[in-house]
């Protein structure tokens, strides 16, 4: 679910590639729809595994380290 307008396009592309399950923008997602999507995900271990697998492929957990290294390169520092 996107919250801000600028999140809509950022959600649409990964949803089209089944990298995320996008329910829509917050003004178009009811509590019932959110609950139904959660129940479906809870009941679908294959879908949960798929989302977990693509998450691991997309996110390596090293983003903060890359930011620090880039900042060090830019500033010429090592702290």
N, C-alpha and C. Protein backbone atom coordinates (compact mmCIF):
# COMPACT_ATOMS: atom_id res chain seq x y z
N UNK A 1 0.84 -1.16 0.00
CA UNK A 1 0.00 0.00 0.00
C UNK A 1 0.89 1.23 0.00
N UNK A 2 0.65 2.12 -0.93
CA UNK A 2 1.39 3.38 -0.95
C UNK A 2 0.69 4.39 -0.06
N UNK A 3 1.48 5.24 0.55
CA UNK A 3 0.95 6.27 1.44
C UNK A 3 0.99 7.63 0.75
N UNK A 4 2.13 7.96 0.17
CA UNK A 4 2.31 9.26 -0.50
C UNK A 4 2.18 9.08 -2.01
N UNK A 5 1.80 10.14 -2.69
CA UNK A 5 1.63 10.10 -4.14
C UNK A 5 2.89 9.64 -4.86
N UNK A 6 4.04 10.10 -4.40
CA UNK A 6 5.28 9.74 -5.10
C UNK A 6 5.65 8.27 -4.92
N UNK A 7 4.96 7.55 -4.08
CA UNK A 7 5.22 6.12 -3.90
C UNK A 7 4.48 5.26 -4.91
N UNK A 8 3.45 5.80 -5.53
CA UNK A 8 2.66 5.00 -6.47
C UNK A 8 3.51 4.38 -7.58
N UNK A 9 4.30 5.18 -8.32
CA UNK A 9 5.10 4.56 -9.39
C UNK A 9 6.15 3.60 -8.84
N UNK A 10 6.66 3.90 -7.66
CA UNK A 10 7.68 3.03 -7.06
C UNK A 10 7.08 1.70 -6.63
N UNK A 11 5.80 1.63 -6.46
CA UNK A 11 5.13 0.37 -6.09
C UNK A 11 4.65 -0.40 -7.32
N UNK A 12 4.28 0.32 -8.35
CA UNK A 12 3.69 -0.33 -9.53
C UNK A 12 4.66 -1.27 -10.24
N UNK A 13 5.88 -0.83 -10.45
CA UNK A 13 6.85 -1.65 -11.20
C UNK A 13 7.19 -2.95 -10.47
N UNK A 14 7.58 -2.90 -9.18
CA UNK A 14 7.87 -4.16 -8.50
C UNK A 14 6.64 -5.06 -8.36
N UNK A 15 5.47 -4.47 -8.27
CA UNK A 15 4.26 -5.28 -8.20
C UNK A 15 4.03 -6.02 -9.52
N UNK A 16 4.30 -5.34 -10.63
CA UNK A 16 4.13 -5.97 -11.94
C UNK A 16 5.08 -7.16 -12.11
N UNK A 17 6.22 -7.08 -11.46
CA UNK A 17 7.21 -8.17 -11.52
C UNK A 17 7.04 -9.17 -10.39
N UNK A 18 5.95 -9.07 -9.65
CA UNK A 18 5.63 -9.91 -8.49
C UNK A 18 6.72 -9.90 -7.41
N UNK A 19 7.40 -8.76 -7.29
CA UNK A 19 8.39 -8.61 -6.23
C UNK A 19 7.74 -8.17 -4.93
N UNK A 20 6.58 -7.52 -5.05
CA UNK A 20 5.81 -7.12 -3.89
C UNK A 20 4.33 -7.37 -4.20
N UNK A 21 3.53 -7.36 -3.19
CA UNK A 21 2.08 -7.43 -3.39
C UNK A 21 1.53 -6.05 -3.07
N UNK A 22 1.18 -5.33 -4.10
CA UNK A 22 0.72 -3.94 -3.97
C UNK A 22 -0.80 -3.92 -3.98
N UNK A 23 -1.38 -3.39 -2.92
CA UNK A 23 -2.83 -3.34 -2.81
C UNK A 23 -3.43 -2.07 -3.40
N UNK A 24 -2.60 -1.06 -3.60
CA UNK A 24 -3.06 0.20 -4.13
C UNK A 24 -2.69 1.34 -3.21
N UNK A 25 -3.20 2.51 -3.53
CA UNK A 25 -2.94 3.70 -2.72
C UNK A 25 -3.86 3.70 -1.50
N UNK A 26 -3.41 4.31 -0.44
CA UNK A 26 -4.13 4.25 0.84
C UNK A 26 -5.58 4.68 0.75
N UNK A 27 -5.89 5.62 -0.13
CA UNK A 27 -7.28 6.07 -0.24
C UNK A 27 -8.17 5.07 -0.98
N UNK A 28 -7.56 4.05 -1.57
CA UNK A 28 -8.33 3.05 -2.31
C UNK A 28 -8.30 1.68 -1.65
N UNK A 29 -7.65 1.56 -0.50
CA UNK A 29 -7.52 0.27 0.18
C UNK A 29 -8.35 0.32 1.46
N UNK A 30 -9.35 -0.53 1.52
CA UNK A 30 -10.20 -0.58 2.71
C UNK A 30 -9.56 -1.49 3.76
N UNK A 31 -10.04 -1.35 4.96
CA UNK A 31 -9.61 -2.24 6.05
C UNK A 31 -9.93 -3.68 5.68
N UNK A 32 -11.07 -3.89 5.06
CA UNK A 32 -11.47 -5.24 4.67
C UNK A 32 -10.50 -5.82 3.63
N UNK A 33 -10.12 -5.01 2.65
CA UNK A 33 -9.19 -5.47 1.62
C UNK A 33 -7.82 -5.78 2.22
N UNK A 34 -7.40 -4.94 3.14
CA UNK A 34 -6.12 -5.18 3.81
C UNK A 34 -6.17 -6.48 4.61
N UNK A 35 -7.25 -6.67 5.34
CA UNK A 35 -7.42 -7.91 6.10
C UNK A 35 -7.46 -9.13 5.21
N UNK A 36 -8.17 -9.04 4.10
CA UNK A 36 -8.25 -10.16 3.17
C UNK A 36 -6.87 -10.49 2.60
N UNK A 37 -6.11 -9.48 2.24
CA UNK A 37 -4.77 -9.70 1.69
C UNK A 37 -3.87 -10.36 2.72
N UNK A 38 -3.97 -9.93 3.96
CA UNK A 38 -3.17 -10.54 5.03
C UNK A 38 -3.57 -12.00 5.26
N UNK A 39 -4.87 -12.26 5.29
CA UNK A 39 -5.33 -13.65 5.46
C UNK A 39 -4.84 -14.53 4.32
N UNK A 40 -4.91 -14.02 3.10
CA UNK A 40 -4.45 -14.81 1.95
C UNK A 40 -2.96 -15.11 2.07
N UNK A 41 -2.20 -14.12 2.47
CA UNK A 41 -0.76 -14.32 2.60
C UNK A 41 -0.44 -15.31 3.72
N UNK A 42 -1.15 -15.21 4.82
CA UNK A 42 -0.96 -16.15 5.93
C UNK A 42 -1.24 -17.57 5.48
N UNK A 43 -2.24 -17.74 4.64
CA UNK A 43 -2.66 -19.07 4.20
C UNK A 43 -1.89 -19.59 2.99
N UNK A 44 -0.95 -18.82 2.47
CA UNK A 44 -0.23 -19.21 1.26
C UNK A 44 1.27 -19.24 1.50
N UNK A 45 1.78 -20.37 2.02
CA UNK A 45 3.21 -20.46 2.31
C UNK A 45 4.09 -20.29 1.07
N UNK A 46 3.61 -20.70 -0.08
CA UNK A 46 4.42 -20.56 -1.30
C UNK A 46 4.59 -19.08 -1.65
N UNK A 47 3.54 -18.31 -1.48
CA UNK A 47 3.63 -16.87 -1.76
C UNK A 47 4.56 -16.19 -0.76
N UNK A 48 4.44 -16.56 0.51
CA UNK A 48 5.34 -15.99 1.52
C UNK A 48 6.79 -16.33 1.20
N UNK A 49 7.03 -17.56 0.79
CA UNK A 49 8.39 -17.96 0.45
C UNK A 49 8.90 -17.20 -0.76
N UNK A 50 8.04 -17.02 -1.75
CA UNK A 50 8.43 -16.26 -2.95
C UNK A 50 8.84 -14.83 -2.56
N UNK A 51 8.01 -14.18 -1.74
CA UNK A 51 8.33 -12.81 -1.33
C UNK A 51 9.61 -12.77 -0.50
N UNK A 52 9.82 -13.77 0.34
CA UNK A 52 11.05 -13.83 1.12
C UNK A 52 12.26 -14.01 0.21
N UNK A 53 12.13 -14.89 -0.78
CA UNK A 53 13.24 -15.16 -1.70
C UNK A 53 13.61 -13.92 -2.51
N UNK A 54 12.61 -13.23 -3.06
CA UNK A 54 12.94 -12.05 -3.85
C UNK A 54 13.47 -10.92 -2.96
N UNK A 55 13.00 -10.88 -1.73
CA UNK A 55 13.52 -9.88 -0.80
C UNK A 55 15.00 -10.07 -0.54
N UNK A 56 15.41 -11.31 -0.36
CA UNK A 56 16.83 -11.61 -0.14
C UNK A 56 17.65 -11.26 -1.37
N UNK A 57 17.09 -11.50 -2.55
CA UNK A 57 17.80 -11.17 -3.78
C UNK A 57 17.96 -9.67 -3.96
N UNK A 58 16.97 -8.91 -3.53
CA UNK A 58 16.97 -7.46 -3.77
C UNK A 58 17.69 -6.66 -2.69
N UNK A 59 17.69 -7.16 -1.48
CA UNK A 59 18.23 -6.41 -0.35
C UNK A 59 19.35 -7.22 0.29
N UNK A 60 20.56 -6.68 0.24
CA UNK A 60 21.70 -7.43 0.78
C UNK A 60 22.08 -7.00 2.20
N UNK A 61 21.44 -5.97 2.72
CA UNK A 61 21.73 -5.52 4.07
C UNK A 61 23.00 -4.70 4.20
N UNK A 62 23.60 -4.35 3.09
CA UNK A 62 24.87 -3.61 3.11
C UNK A 62 24.72 -2.16 2.67
N UNK A 63 23.49 -1.68 2.58
CA UNK A 63 23.25 -0.32 2.10
C UNK A 63 23.92 0.75 2.94
N UNK A 64 23.83 0.63 4.26
CA UNK A 64 24.44 1.64 5.14
C UNK A 64 25.95 1.67 4.95
N UNK A 65 26.55 0.51 4.82
CA UNK A 65 28.00 0.45 4.61
C UNK A 65 28.38 1.12 3.29
N UNK A 66 27.60 0.90 2.25
CA UNK A 66 27.88 1.55 0.97
C UNK A 66 27.76 3.06 1.07
N UNK A 67 26.78 3.54 1.82
CA UNK A 67 26.63 4.99 2.01
C UNK A 67 27.85 5.56 2.72
N UNK A 68 28.28 4.89 3.78
CA UNK A 68 29.46 5.36 4.52
C UNK A 68 30.69 5.37 3.62
N UNK A 69 30.89 4.32 2.87
CA UNK A 69 32.05 4.26 1.96
C UNK A 69 31.99 5.37 0.92
N UNK A 70 30.83 5.63 0.38
CA UNK A 70 30.68 6.71 -0.58
C UNK A 70 30.98 8.05 0.05
N UNK A 71 30.48 8.26 1.26
CA UNK A 71 30.77 9.50 1.97
C UNK A 71 32.27 9.65 2.25
N UNK A 72 32.91 8.57 2.60
CA UNK A 72 34.36 8.61 2.84
C UNK A 72 35.10 8.95 1.56
N UNK A 73 34.67 8.38 0.46
CA UNK A 73 35.31 8.67 -0.82
C UNK A 73 35.15 10.14 -1.19
N UNK A 74 33.96 10.65 -0.99
CA UNK A 74 33.68 12.05 -1.33
C UNK A 74 34.47 13.00 -0.46
N UNK A 75 34.54 12.70 0.82
CA UNK A 75 35.20 13.62 1.76
C UNK A 75 36.70 13.36 1.92
N UNK A 76 37.14 12.22 1.41
CA UNK A 76 38.55 11.86 1.56
C UNK A 76 38.90 11.39 2.97
N UNK A 77 37.89 11.13 3.77
CA UNK A 77 38.13 10.71 5.15
C UNK A 77 37.91 9.23 5.34
N UNK A 78 38.32 8.76 6.51
CA UNK A 78 38.11 7.35 6.83
C UNK A 78 37.31 7.18 8.11
N UNK A 79 36.65 8.23 8.55
CA UNK A 79 35.79 8.13 9.73
C UNK A 79 34.37 8.50 9.39
